[in-house]
Amino acid sequence: MTLTLSAQDLFRTAYESRYTWDAQFPGYHADLTLQQGEECYQGQVQISRDLSVMVQGFEDPTVQESIQHQLRDIVTHRQRRSFEQAHSKNQFRFGETDDSGAQAILVQGDAMGSHYKIRGSEICQVSRVMGPMAFTIDTQECLQTEQGYLPIQYHAIFRDAQSQALRGQRHFQDRYENLNGYYLPVYQKIEAIDSAGQTIVTEFIYTNLELLGD
């Protein structure tokens, strides 16, 4: 007998197959070098056991704030939340299957109007609206870990939520290191392309990573 997965079952499997930090995650700290063109900034970062973030040592407050946002993004994607916590109020239905075989999953009840595409047991596309901005993130490559998959190459397109005018694009390349069973970021390259086609490349280089003690 062949069992047919519902849209919710398919999405749930992909959601629960992501790599996240477990409840015993101790936190970590690292040195960070941020390179953008000819400019270079250095300081220290920390994500604590409670997933709070700390950034220090960067002389430029704008750079320091940007790094804080980047660390909070890391926490958002690595924080473990059950499917019920994240999606219990949502309803899922199938959309179309694209030429690559990715299955669209349409969502009702999500405050940001999220929609997804699933390929195999991985979420390969996320589309959302946040205020005046709509964005779509497509994942091209994932790192397969013992605890789940980690996107390491992905592309984001940003548009005006009303007019759909292109506002910019970003291409990401990430690398991770397994430190005592926890995968931590050691490198991220972001190629940001604005609506005029100008490109800015930013690199985050993490060194001297160390898990926090009790």
N, C-alpha and C. Protein backbone atom coordinates (compact mmCIF):
# COMPACT_ATOMS: atom_id res chain seq x y z
N MET A 1 0.85 -1.20 0.00
CA MET A 1 0.00 0.00 0.00
C MET A 1 0.88 1.25 0.00
N THR A 2 0.59 2.18 -0.88
CA THR A 2 1.35 3.41 -0.98
C THR A 2 0.67 4.50 -0.16
N LEU A 3 1.45 5.13 0.75
CA LEU A 3 0.92 6.21 1.56
C LEU A 3 1.26 7.54 0.90
N THR A 4 0.30 8.43 0.80
CA THR A 4 0.49 9.74 0.20
C THR A 4 0.62 10.79 1.30
N LEU A 5 1.74 11.50 1.30
CA LEU A 5 1.95 12.53 2.31
C LEU A 5 1.08 13.73 2.03
N SER A 6 0.54 14.34 3.06
CA SER A 6 -0.16 15.62 2.92
C SER A 6 0.86 16.73 2.78
N ALA A 7 0.40 17.91 2.39
CA ALA A 7 1.29 19.06 2.28
C ALA A 7 1.93 19.37 3.64
N GLN A 8 1.14 19.24 4.72
CA GLN A 8 1.67 19.49 6.05
C GLN A 8 2.73 18.46 6.42
N ASP A 9 2.48 17.20 6.10
CA ASP A 9 3.45 16.15 6.42
C ASP A 9 4.77 16.37 5.68
N LEU A 10 4.68 16.74 4.40
CA LEU A 10 5.88 16.96 3.60
C LEU A 10 6.67 18.14 4.15
N PHE A 11 5.97 19.23 4.48
CA PHE A 11 6.67 20.39 5.01
C PHE A 11 7.25 20.09 6.39
N ARG A 12 6.49 19.38 7.21
CA ARG A 12 6.97 19.06 8.56
C ARG A 12 8.26 18.23 8.50
N THR A 13 8.31 17.26 7.62
CA THR A 13 9.51 16.45 7.48
C THR A 13 10.72 17.30 7.12
N ALA A 14 10.54 18.23 6.16
CA ALA A 14 11.63 19.10 5.75
C ALA A 14 12.02 20.07 6.87
N TYR A 15 11.01 20.59 7.57
CA TYR A 15 11.26 21.52 8.69
C TYR A 15 12.06 20.81 9.78
N GLU A 16 11.69 19.60 10.12
CA GLU A 16 12.35 18.88 11.21
C GLU A 16 13.67 18.26 10.79
N SER A 17 13.99 18.31 9.50
CA SER A 17 15.27 17.78 9.01
C SER A 17 16.36 18.84 9.00
N ARG A 18 16.01 20.09 9.31
CA ARG A 18 17.02 21.16 9.35
C ARG A 18 18.00 20.92 10.52
N TYR A 19 19.23 21.41 10.36
CA TYR A 19 20.17 21.36 11.47
C TYR A 19 19.87 22.50 12.44
N THR A 20 19.71 22.17 13.71
CA THR A 20 19.54 23.18 14.76
C THR A 20 20.37 22.78 15.97
N TRP A 21 20.65 23.72 16.84
CA TRP A 21 21.36 23.41 18.08
C TRP A 21 20.39 22.80 19.08
N ASP A 22 20.84 21.82 19.85
CA ASP A 22 19.97 21.15 20.81
C ASP A 22 19.90 21.92 22.14
N ALA A 23 19.13 21.40 23.08
CA ALA A 23 18.90 22.07 24.36
C ALA A 23 20.16 22.17 25.19
N GLN A 24 21.18 21.36 24.90
CA GLN A 24 22.43 21.39 25.66
C GLN A 24 23.47 22.33 25.04
N PHE A 25 23.09 23.05 24.00
CA PHE A 25 24.04 23.97 23.36
C PHE A 25 24.63 24.92 24.39
N PRO A 26 25.98 24.94 24.54
CA PRO A 26 26.59 25.73 25.61
C PRO A 26 26.88 27.18 25.25
N GLY A 27 26.72 27.53 23.99
CA GLY A 27 27.14 28.85 23.53
C GLY A 27 28.61 28.81 23.12
N TYR A 28 29.06 29.87 22.48
CA TYR A 28 30.46 29.93 22.05
C TYR A 28 30.88 31.39 21.86
N HIS A 29 32.19 31.59 21.83
CA HIS A 29 32.70 32.91 21.46
C HIS A 29 33.79 32.74 20.41
N ALA A 30 34.08 33.83 19.69
CA ALA A 30 35.04 33.77 18.60
C ALA A 30 35.56 35.17 18.32
N ASP A 31 36.71 35.23 17.67
CA ASP A 31 37.19 36.47 17.09
C ASP A 31 36.58 36.60 15.70
N LEU A 32 36.28 37.83 15.32
CA LEU A 32 35.65 38.06 14.01
C LEU A 32 36.38 39.16 13.26
N THR A 33 36.71 38.86 12.03
CA THR A 33 37.23 39.86 11.10
C THR A 33 36.18 40.10 10.03
N LEU A 34 35.79 41.35 9.85
CA LEU A 34 34.85 41.72 8.80
C LEU A 34 35.62 42.48 7.74
N GLN A 35 35.56 41.95 6.52
CA GLN A 35 36.26 42.57 5.39
C GLN A 35 35.24 43.03 4.37
N GLN A 36 35.30 44.33 4.02
CA GLN A 36 34.40 44.87 3.00
C GLN A 36 35.20 45.81 2.12
N GLY A 37 35.54 45.34 0.91
CA GLY A 37 36.40 46.12 0.05
C GLY A 37 37.76 46.31 0.70
N GLU A 38 38.19 47.57 0.82
CA GLU A 38 39.47 47.87 1.46
C GLU A 38 39.34 48.04 2.96
N GLU A 39 38.14 48.00 3.47
CA GLU A 39 37.92 48.23 4.90
C GLU A 39 37.94 46.91 5.66
N CYS A 40 38.59 46.94 6.84
CA CYS A 40 38.71 45.74 7.65
C CYS A 40 38.43 46.10 9.11
N TYR A 41 37.59 45.32 9.76
CA TYR A 41 37.23 45.56 11.16
C TYR A 41 37.42 44.27 11.95
N GLN A 42 37.87 44.40 13.19
CA GLN A 42 38.11 43.21 14.01
C GLN A 42 37.54 43.40 15.41
N GLY A 43 37.02 42.32 15.96
CA GLY A 43 36.46 42.36 17.31
C GLY A 43 36.14 40.96 17.77
N GLN A 44 35.28 40.86 18.77
CA GLN A 44 34.90 39.57 19.34
C GLN A 44 33.38 39.44 19.36
N VAL A 45 32.91 38.21 19.20
CA VAL A 45 31.48 37.94 19.23
C VAL A 45 31.20 36.75 20.15
N GLN A 46 29.98 36.72 20.65
CA GLN A 46 29.58 35.60 21.51
C GLN A 46 28.09 35.34 21.37
N ILE A 47 27.74 34.07 21.28
CA ILE A 47 26.35 33.63 21.42
C ILE A 47 26.30 32.77 22.66
N SER A 48 25.52 33.18 23.64
CA SER A 48 25.50 32.52 24.94
C SER A 48 24.57 31.32 24.94
N ARG A 49 24.59 30.59 26.05
CA ARG A 49 23.74 29.41 26.19
C ARG A 49 22.27 29.76 25.99
N ASP A 50 21.87 30.94 26.48
CA ASP A 50 20.47 31.36 26.35
C ASP A 50 20.18 31.99 24.98
N LEU A 51 21.17 31.94 24.06
CA LEU A 51 21.08 32.44 22.69
C LEU A 51 21.07 33.96 22.60
N SER A 52 21.42 34.64 23.68
CA SER A 52 21.66 36.08 23.59
C SER A 52 22.99 36.31 22.89
N VAL A 53 23.15 37.47 22.26
CA VAL A 53 24.36 37.75 21.48
C VAL A 53 25.12 38.92 22.10
N MET A 54 26.44 38.89 21.94
CA MET A 54 27.29 39.98 22.42
C MET A 54 28.34 40.27 21.36
N VAL A 55 28.53 41.54 21.06
CA VAL A 55 29.53 41.98 20.10
C VAL A 55 30.35 43.07 20.75
N GLN A 56 31.67 42.97 20.68
CA GLN A 56 32.51 44.00 21.29
C GLN A 56 33.81 44.15 20.52
N GLY A 57 34.43 45.32 20.72
CA GLY A 57 35.75 45.56 20.15
C GLY A 57 35.75 46.25 18.81
N PHE A 58 34.59 46.44 18.18
CA PHE A 58 34.52 47.11 16.89
C PHE A 58 34.36 48.61 17.11
N GLU A 59 35.26 49.38 16.53
CA GLU A 59 35.27 50.82 16.77
C GLU A 59 34.10 51.54 16.11
N ASP A 60 33.65 51.05 14.96
CA ASP A 60 32.56 51.69 14.23
C ASP A 60 31.22 51.14 14.75
N PRO A 61 30.38 52.00 15.36
CA PRO A 61 29.11 51.52 15.91
C PRO A 61 28.16 50.96 14.85
N THR A 62 28.23 51.48 13.62
CA THR A 62 27.39 50.95 12.55
C THR A 62 27.78 49.52 12.20
N VAL A 63 29.08 49.28 12.15
CA VAL A 63 29.58 47.93 11.89
C VAL A 63 29.17 46.99 13.02
N GLN A 64 29.32 47.46 14.27
CA GLN A 64 28.97 46.63 15.42
C GLN A 64 27.49 46.25 15.39
N GLU A 65 26.63 47.21 15.03
CA GLU A 65 25.19 46.94 14.95
C GLU A 65 24.89 45.95 13.83
N SER A 66 25.58 46.08 12.70
CA SER A 66 25.39 45.16 11.59
C SER A 66 25.76 43.73 11.99
N ILE A 67 26.82 43.59 12.75
CA ILE A 67 27.26 42.27 13.19
C ILE A 67 26.26 41.69 14.19
N GLN A 68 25.70 42.53 15.04
CA GLN A 68 24.67 42.05 15.97
C GLN A 68 23.48 41.47 15.21
N HIS A 69 23.06 42.14 14.14
CA HIS A 69 21.96 41.63 13.32
C HIS A 69 22.35 40.29 12.69
N GLN A 70 23.61 40.19 12.23
CA GLN A 70 24.06 38.96 11.60
C GLN A 70 24.05 37.80 12.60
N LEU A 71 24.47 38.06 13.84
CA LEU A 71 24.45 37.02 14.86
C LEU A 71 23.02 36.61 15.22
N ARG A 72 22.11 37.58 15.27
CA ARG A 72 20.71 37.25 15.57
C ARG A 72 20.11 36.40 14.45
N ASP A 73 20.55 36.63 13.22
CA ASP A 73 20.10 35.78 12.11
C ASP A 73 20.59 34.35 12.30
N ILE A 74 21.84 34.21 12.75
CA ILE A 74 22.37 32.87 13.03
C ILE A 74 21.53 32.19 14.09
N VAL A 75 21.21 32.91 15.17
CA VAL A 75 20.40 32.34 16.25
C VAL A 75 19.02 31.93 15.73
N THR A 76 18.40 32.79 14.92
CA THR A 76 17.07 32.49 14.38
C THR A 76 17.05 31.17 13.62
N HIS A 77 18.10 30.92 12.85
CA HIS A 77 18.12 29.71 12.02
C HIS A 77 18.62 28.48 12.76
N ARG A 78 19.38 28.67 13.84
CA ARG A 78 19.90 27.51 14.58
C ARG A 78 19.06 27.20 15.82
N GLN A 79 18.19 28.10 16.24
CA GLN A 79 17.36 27.86 17.42
C GLN A 79 16.36 26.76 17.15
N ARG A 80 16.25 25.82 18.07
CA ARG A 80 15.34 24.70 17.88
C ARG A 80 13.95 25.05 18.40
N ARG A 81 12.98 25.03 17.51
CA ARG A 81 11.58 25.20 17.87
C ARG A 81 10.80 24.05 17.26
N SER A 82 9.92 23.46 18.02
CA SER A 82 9.14 22.35 17.50
C SER A 82 8.23 22.83 16.37
N PHE A 83 7.79 21.89 15.56
CA PHE A 83 6.87 22.23 14.48
C PHE A 83 5.59 22.85 15.05
N GLU A 84 5.11 22.32 16.18
CA GLU A 84 3.90 22.85 16.80
C GLU A 84 4.10 24.29 17.26
N GLN A 85 5.25 24.59 17.84
CA GLN A 85 5.54 25.96 18.28
C GLN A 85 5.55 26.94 17.11
N ALA A 86 6.12 26.52 16.01
CA ALA A 86 6.32 27.43 14.89
C ALA A 86 5.13 27.50 13.93
N HIS A 87 4.38 26.40 13.79
CA HIS A 87 3.41 26.32 12.70
C HIS A 87 2.05 25.76 13.08
N SER A 88 1.73 25.68 14.36
CA SER A 88 0.47 25.05 14.76
C SER A 88 -0.76 25.81 14.24
N LYS A 89 -0.62 27.12 13.98
CA LYS A 89 -1.76 27.91 13.52
C LYS A 89 -1.87 27.97 12.00
N ASN A 90 -0.95 27.32 11.32
CA ASN A 90 -0.92 27.41 9.86
C ASN A 90 -1.59 26.21 9.20
N GLN A 91 -2.09 26.43 8.01
CA GLN A 91 -2.63 25.36 7.18
C GLN A 91 -1.82 25.31 5.89
N PHE A 92 -1.58 24.09 5.40
CA PHE A 92 -0.69 23.88 4.26
C PHE A 92 -1.43 23.19 3.12
N ARG A 93 -1.10 23.60 1.90
CA ARG A 93 -1.64 22.91 0.73
C ARG A 93 -0.60 22.92 -0.37
N PHE A 94 -0.74 21.99 -1.28
CA PHE A 94 0.22 21.87 -2.38
C PHE A 94 0.00 22.97 -3.42
N GLY A 95 1.11 23.49 -3.92
CA GLY A 95 1.10 24.33 -5.11
C GLY A 95 1.63 23.52 -6.28
N GLU A 96 2.23 24.19 -7.24
CA GLU A 96 2.74 23.51 -8.42
C GLU A 96 4.13 22.93 -8.16
N THR A 97 4.49 21.95 -8.97
CA THR A 97 5.85 21.41 -8.97
C THR A 97 6.61 22.06 -10.11
N ASP A 98 7.80 22.63 -9.81
CA ASP A 98 8.53 23.34 -10.86
C ASP A 98 9.35 22.37 -11.71
N ASP A 99 10.06 22.92 -12.70
CA ASP A 99 10.80 22.08 -13.65
C ASP A 99 11.92 21.28 -12.99
N SER A 100 12.40 21.73 -11.81
CA SER A 100 13.47 21.01 -11.12
C SER A 100 12.93 19.89 -10.24
N GLY A 101 11.59 19.80 -10.15
CA GLY A 101 10.99 18.79 -9.28
C GLY A 101 10.67 19.28 -7.89
N ALA A 102 10.93 20.56 -7.60
CA ALA A 102 10.63 21.11 -6.28
C ALA A 102 9.13 21.34 -6.14
N GLN A 103 8.58 20.92 -5.02
CA GLN A 103 7.14 21.01 -4.75
C GLN A 103 6.82 22.28 -3.96
N ALA A 104 5.94 23.12 -4.50
CA ALA A 104 5.51 24.33 -3.78
C ALA A 104 4.56 23.95 -2.66
N ILE A 105 4.74 24.60 -1.50
CA ILE A 105 3.86 24.45 -0.36
C ILE A 105 3.30 25.83 -0.02
N LEU A 106 1.99 25.98 -0.15
CA LEU A 106 1.32 27.25 0.13
C LEU A 106 0.79 27.24 1.56
N VAL A 107 0.90 28.38 2.24
CA VAL A 107 0.58 28.45 3.67
C VAL A 107 -0.53 29.46 3.91
N GLN A 108 -1.49 29.08 4.73
CA GLN A 108 -2.52 29.99 5.20
C GLN A 108 -2.37 30.15 6.71
N GLY A 109 -2.52 31.40 7.19
CA GLY A 109 -2.42 31.66 8.61
C GLY A 109 -1.09 32.22 9.06
N ASP A 110 -0.14 32.35 8.13
CA ASP A 110 1.17 32.90 8.47
C ASP A 110 1.13 34.42 8.33
N ALA A 111 1.59 35.13 9.37
CA ALA A 111 1.49 36.59 9.38
C ALA A 111 2.32 37.24 8.29
N MET A 112 3.39 36.55 7.82
CA MET A 112 4.26 37.12 6.80
C MET A 112 3.98 36.54 5.41
N GLY A 113 2.88 35.82 5.27
CA GLY A 113 2.53 35.28 3.97
C GLY A 113 3.57 34.33 3.40
N SER A 114 4.15 33.50 4.26
CA SER A 114 5.24 32.63 3.83
C SER A 114 4.75 31.53 2.89
N HIS A 115 5.56 31.23 1.89
CA HIS A 115 5.37 30.08 1.01
C HIS A 115 6.72 29.41 0.84
N TYR A 116 6.69 28.14 0.51
CA TYR A 116 7.93 27.36 0.46
C TYR A 116 7.96 26.48 -0.78
N LYS A 117 9.17 25.97 -1.06
CA LYS A 117 9.34 24.87 -1.99
C LYS A 117 10.17 23.80 -1.29
N ILE A 118 9.80 22.53 -1.52
CA ILE A 118 10.47 21.40 -0.91
C ILE A 118 11.07 20.54 -2.01
N ARG A 119 12.33 20.18 -1.84
CA ARG A 119 12.97 19.22 -2.74
C ARG A 119 13.50 18.07 -1.89
N GLY A 120 12.98 16.88 -2.11
CA GLY A 120 13.34 15.76 -1.25
C GLY A 120 12.83 16.02 0.16
N SER A 121 13.74 16.07 1.11
CA SER A 121 13.37 16.39 2.50
C SER A 121 13.99 17.70 2.95
N GLU A 122 14.19 18.62 1.99
CA GLU A 122 14.81 19.91 2.31
C GLU A 122 13.93 21.06 1.84
N ILE A 123 13.90 22.12 2.64
CA ILE A 123 13.27 23.38 2.21
C ILE A 123 14.26 24.08 1.30
N CYS A 124 13.92 24.22 0.02
CA CYS A 124 14.87 24.81 -0.93
C CYS A 124 14.48 26.23 -1.34
N GLN A 125 13.29 26.69 -0.92
CA GLN A 125 12.90 28.07 -1.20
C GLN A 125 11.96 28.58 -0.11
N VAL A 126 12.19 29.83 0.29
CA VAL A 126 11.33 30.52 1.25
C VAL A 126 10.94 31.85 0.63
N SER A 127 9.64 32.16 0.62
CA SER A 127 9.16 33.47 0.15
C SER A 127 8.33 34.10 1.25
N ARG A 128 8.63 35.38 1.57
CA ARG A 128 7.92 36.07 2.64
C ARG A 128 7.77 37.54 2.30
N VAL A 129 6.86 38.19 3.05
CA VAL A 129 6.67 39.63 2.97
C VAL A 129 6.88 40.20 4.37
N MET A 130 7.78 41.17 4.48
CA MET A 130 8.03 41.84 5.76
C MET A 130 7.85 43.34 5.55
N GLY A 131 6.70 43.85 5.97
CA GLY A 131 6.41 45.27 5.76
C GLY A 131 6.38 45.60 4.29
N PRO A 132 7.16 46.60 3.86
CA PRO A 132 7.13 47.00 2.45
C PRO A 132 7.99 46.13 1.55
N MET A 133 8.70 45.15 2.14
CA MET A 133 9.64 44.37 1.36
C MET A 133 9.21 42.90 1.25
N ALA A 134 9.27 42.37 0.03
CA ALA A 134 9.04 40.94 -0.21
C ALA A 134 10.38 40.32 -0.61
N PHE A 135 10.61 39.10 -0.14
CA PHE A 135 11.87 38.46 -0.52
C PHE A 135 11.67 36.97 -0.75
N THR A 136 12.53 36.43 -1.60
CA THR A 136 12.56 35.00 -1.90
C THR A 136 14.00 34.53 -1.77
N ILE A 137 14.20 33.44 -1.01
CA ILE A 137 15.53 32.87 -0.81
C ILE A 137 15.54 31.46 -1.41
N ASP A 138 16.44 31.25 -2.36
CA ASP A 138 16.61 29.94 -2.99
C ASP A 138 17.93 29.32 -2.54
N THR A 139 17.87 28.09 -2.06
CA THR A 139 19.06 27.37 -1.61
C THR A 139 19.60 26.52 -2.75
N GLN A 140 20.90 26.69 -3.05
CA GLN A 140 21.53 25.91 -4.12
C GLN A 140 22.32 24.72 -3.59
N GLU A 141 22.83 24.81 -2.36
CA GLU A 141 23.66 23.72 -1.84
C GLU A 141 23.52 23.65 -0.33
N CYS A 142 23.52 22.42 0.20
CA CYS A 142 23.43 22.21 1.65
C CYS A 142 24.57 21.32 2.12
N LEU A 143 24.98 21.51 3.35
CA LEU A 143 25.90 20.61 4.04
C LEU A 143 25.06 19.59 4.80
N GLN A 144 25.34 18.32 4.57
CA GLN A 144 24.60 17.25 5.24
C GLN A 144 25.34 16.87 6.52
N THR A 145 24.74 17.10 7.67
CA THR A 145 25.34 16.74 8.95
C THR A 145 24.58 15.55 9.53
N GLU A 146 25.12 15.00 10.62
CA GLU A 146 24.45 13.89 11.29
C GLU A 146 23.12 14.31 11.90
N GLN A 147 22.95 15.61 12.17
CA GLN A 147 21.74 16.10 12.82
C GLN A 147 20.81 16.86 11.88
N GLY A 148 21.14 16.93 10.60
CA GLY A 148 20.26 17.64 9.67
C GLY A 148 21.05 18.43 8.65
N TYR A 149 20.33 19.07 7.73
CA TYR A 149 20.99 19.79 6.64
C TYR A 149 21.17 21.27 6.97
N LEU A 150 22.27 21.83 6.45
CA LEU A 150 22.62 23.24 6.65
C LEU A 150 22.81 23.89 5.29
N PRO A 151 22.03 24.90 4.94
CA PRO A 151 22.28 25.62 3.69
C PRO A 151 23.64 26.30 3.72
N ILE A 152 24.43 26.12 2.66
CA ILE A 152 25.74 26.76 2.62
C ILE A 152 25.91 27.63 1.38
N GLN A 153 24.98 27.56 0.45
CA GLN A 153 24.98 28.46 -0.70
C GLN A 153 23.54 28.78 -1.06
N TYR A 154 23.19 30.07 -1.03
CA TYR A 154 21.81 30.46 -1.27
C TYR A 154 21.76 31.89 -1.79
N HIS A 155 20.64 32.21 -2.45
CA HIS A 155 20.49 33.48 -3.15
C HIS A 155 19.17 34.13 -2.74
N ALA A 156 19.22 35.41 -2.41
CA ALA A 156 18.03 36.13 -1.97
C ALA A 156 17.72 37.27 -2.95
N ILE A 157 16.44 37.40 -3.29
CA ILE A 157 15.97 38.50 -4.14
C ILE A 157 14.97 39.32 -3.35
N PHE A 158 15.15 40.63 -3.34
CA PHE A 158 14.28 41.54 -2.59
C PHE A 158 13.51 42.42 -3.57
N ARG A 159 12.18 42.52 -3.33
CA ARG A 159 11.32 43.33 -4.19
C ARG A 159 10.39 44.19 -3.35
N ASP A 160 9.92 45.27 -3.96
CA ASP A 160 8.89 46.07 -3.33
C ASP A 160 7.62 45.23 -3.24
N ALA A 161 7.05 45.16 -2.04
CA ALA A 161 5.90 44.27 -1.82
C ALA A 161 4.69 44.69 -2.64
N GLN A 162 4.56 45.96 -2.97
CA GLN A 162 3.41 46.45 -3.74
C GLN A 162 3.65 46.40 -5.24
N SER A 163 4.74 47.01 -5.67
CA SER A 163 5.00 47.14 -7.11
C SER A 163 5.79 45.96 -7.69
N GLN A 164 6.43 45.17 -6.82
CA GLN A 164 7.30 44.06 -7.24
C GLN A 164 8.57 44.55 -7.93
N ALA A 165 8.86 45.83 -7.80
CA ALA A 165 10.11 46.36 -8.37
C ALA A 165 11.30 45.75 -7.64
N LEU A 166 12.35 45.41 -8.39
CA LEU A 166 13.54 44.82 -7.81
C LEU A 166 14.27 45.83 -6.93
N ARG A 167 14.57 45.45 -5.69
CA ARG A 167 15.28 46.32 -4.75
C ARG A 167 16.71 45.88 -4.50
N GLY A 168 17.01 44.63 -4.79
CA GLY A 168 18.38 44.16 -4.59
C GLY A 168 18.45 42.65 -4.54
N GLN A 169 19.67 42.15 -4.58
CA GLN A 169 19.92 40.72 -4.50
C GLN A 169 21.12 40.48 -3.60
N ARG A 170 21.16 39.29 -3.01
CA ARG A 170 22.32 38.90 -2.22
C ARG A 170 22.62 37.43 -2.46
N HIS A 171 23.89 37.14 -2.65
CA HIS A 171 24.32 35.75 -2.79
C HIS A 171 25.21 35.41 -1.60
N PHE A 172 24.92 34.29 -0.94
CA PHE A 172 25.61 33.90 0.28
C PHE A 172 26.39 32.61 0.06
N GLN A 173 27.59 32.57 0.63
CA GLN A 173 28.37 31.35 0.70
C GLN A 173 28.85 31.19 2.15
N ASP A 174 28.53 30.06 2.77
CA ASP A 174 28.85 29.83 4.18
C ASP A 174 29.74 28.61 4.33
N ARG A 175 30.55 28.63 5.40
CA ARG A 175 31.30 27.45 5.80
C ARG A 175 31.14 27.25 7.30
N TYR A 176 31.13 25.98 7.72
CA TYR A 176 30.93 25.63 9.13
C TYR A 176 32.03 24.69 9.60
N GLU A 177 32.25 24.70 10.92
CA GLU A 177 33.20 23.79 11.56
C GLU A 177 32.47 23.03 12.65
N ASN A 178 32.73 21.73 12.72
CA ASN A 178 32.16 20.88 13.77
C ASN A 178 33.05 20.97 14.99
N LEU A 179 32.56 21.62 16.04
CA LEU A 179 33.32 21.79 17.27
C LEU A 179 32.61 21.02 18.39
N ASN A 180 33.19 19.88 18.72
CA ASN A 180 32.61 19.02 19.78
C ASN A 180 31.13 18.72 19.55
N GLY A 181 30.79 18.45 18.30
CA GLY A 181 29.42 18.05 17.99
C GLY A 181 28.50 19.17 17.59
N TYR A 182 28.97 20.42 17.61
CA TYR A 182 28.14 21.56 17.22
C TYR A 182 28.76 22.22 15.99
N TYR A 183 27.92 22.41 14.97
CA TYR A 183 28.38 23.09 13.76
C TYR A 183 28.26 24.60 13.95
N LEU A 184 29.40 25.29 13.84
CA LEU A 184 29.47 26.73 14.06
C LEU A 184 29.99 27.41 12.80
N PRO A 185 29.52 28.63 12.52
CA PRO A 185 29.97 29.32 11.31
C PRO A 185 31.42 29.78 11.45
N VAL A 186 32.22 29.53 10.43
CA VAL A 186 33.59 30.02 10.41
C VAL A 186 33.83 31.02 9.28
N TYR A 187 32.88 31.08 8.33
CA TYR A 187 33.07 32.01 7.20
C TYR A 187 31.73 32.26 6.53
N GLN A 188 31.51 33.53 6.15
CA GLN A 188 30.37 33.86 5.31
C GLN A 188 30.78 34.96 4.33
N LYS A 189 30.45 34.74 3.07
CA LYS A 189 30.68 35.75 2.04
C LYS A 189 29.33 36.17 1.50
N ILE A 190 29.10 37.48 1.48
CA ILE A 190 27.85 38.03 0.98
C ILE A 190 28.15 38.97 -0.19
N GLU A 191 27.61 38.66 -1.35
CA GLU A 191 27.70 39.55 -2.50
C GLU A 191 26.36 40.26 -2.62
N ALA A 192 26.33 41.54 -2.28
CA ALA A 192 25.09 42.32 -2.31
C ALA A 192 25.06 43.15 -3.59
N ILE A 193 23.99 43.00 -4.35
CA ILE A 193 23.81 43.72 -5.61
C ILE A 193 22.60 44.63 -5.47
N ASP A 194 22.80 45.95 -5.61
CA ASP A 194 21.67 46.86 -5.44
C ASP A 194 20.86 46.95 -6.73
N SER A 195 19.80 47.75 -6.70
CA SER A 195 18.90 47.84 -7.86
C SER A 195 19.56 48.44 -9.08
N ALA A 196 20.68 49.15 -8.88
CA ALA A 196 21.42 49.73 -10.01
C ALA A 196 22.50 48.80 -10.54
N GLY A 197 22.65 47.63 -9.91
CA GLY A 197 23.63 46.67 -10.38
C GLY A 197 24.99 46.78 -9.73
N GLN A 198 25.14 47.67 -8.74
CA GLN A 198 26.41 47.81 -8.04
C GLN A 198 26.56 46.68 -7.02
N THR A 199 27.78 46.13 -6.93
CA THR A 199 28.03 44.98 -6.06
C THR A 199 28.97 45.35 -4.92
N ILE A 200 28.60 44.94 -3.71
CA ILE A 200 29.47 45.08 -2.54
C ILE A 200 29.69 43.70 -1.95
N VAL A 201 30.94 43.31 -1.74
CA VAL A 201 31.27 42.01 -1.18
C VAL A 201 31.71 42.18 0.27
N THR A 202 31.07 41.45 1.16
CA THR A 202 31.40 41.47 2.59
C THR A 202 31.75 40.06 3.03
N GLU A 203 32.85 39.94 3.78
CA GLU A 203 33.27 38.63 4.30
C GLU A 203 33.33 38.67 5.82
N PHE A 204 32.74 37.66 6.45
CA PHE A 204 32.81 37.46 7.90
C PHE A 204 33.72 36.25 8.13
N ILE A 205 34.84 36.48 8.83
CA ILE A 205 35.82 35.42 9.07
C ILE A 205 35.93 35.20 10.58
N TYR A 206 35.48 34.02 11.03
CA TYR A 206 35.49 33.70 12.46
C TYR A 206 36.69 32.81 12.78
N THR A 207 37.46 33.18 13.80
CA THR A 207 38.61 32.40 14.21
C THR A 207 38.60 32.22 15.73
N ASN A 208 39.42 31.29 16.20
CA ASN A 208 39.57 31.02 17.64
C ASN A 208 38.20 30.70 18.28
N LEU A 209 37.43 29.89 17.59
CA LEU A 209 36.10 29.51 18.14
C LEU A 209 36.30 28.62 19.36
N GLU A 210 35.49 28.86 20.38
CA GLU A 210 35.57 28.08 21.61
C GLU A 210 34.20 28.00 22.25
N LEU A 211 33.78 26.79 22.58
CA LEU A 211 32.52 26.62 23.30
C LEU A 211 32.66 27.18 24.71
N LEU A 212 31.54 27.71 25.23
CA LEU A 212 31.56 28.28 26.57
C LEU A 212 31.46 27.16 27.61
N GLY A 213 32.03 27.37 28.76
CA GLY A 213 31.94 26.40 29.84
C GLY A 213 30.71 26.64 30.67
N ASP A 214 30.55 25.85 31.72
CA ASP A 214 29.38 25.98 32.61
C ASP A 214 29.47 27.28 33.40
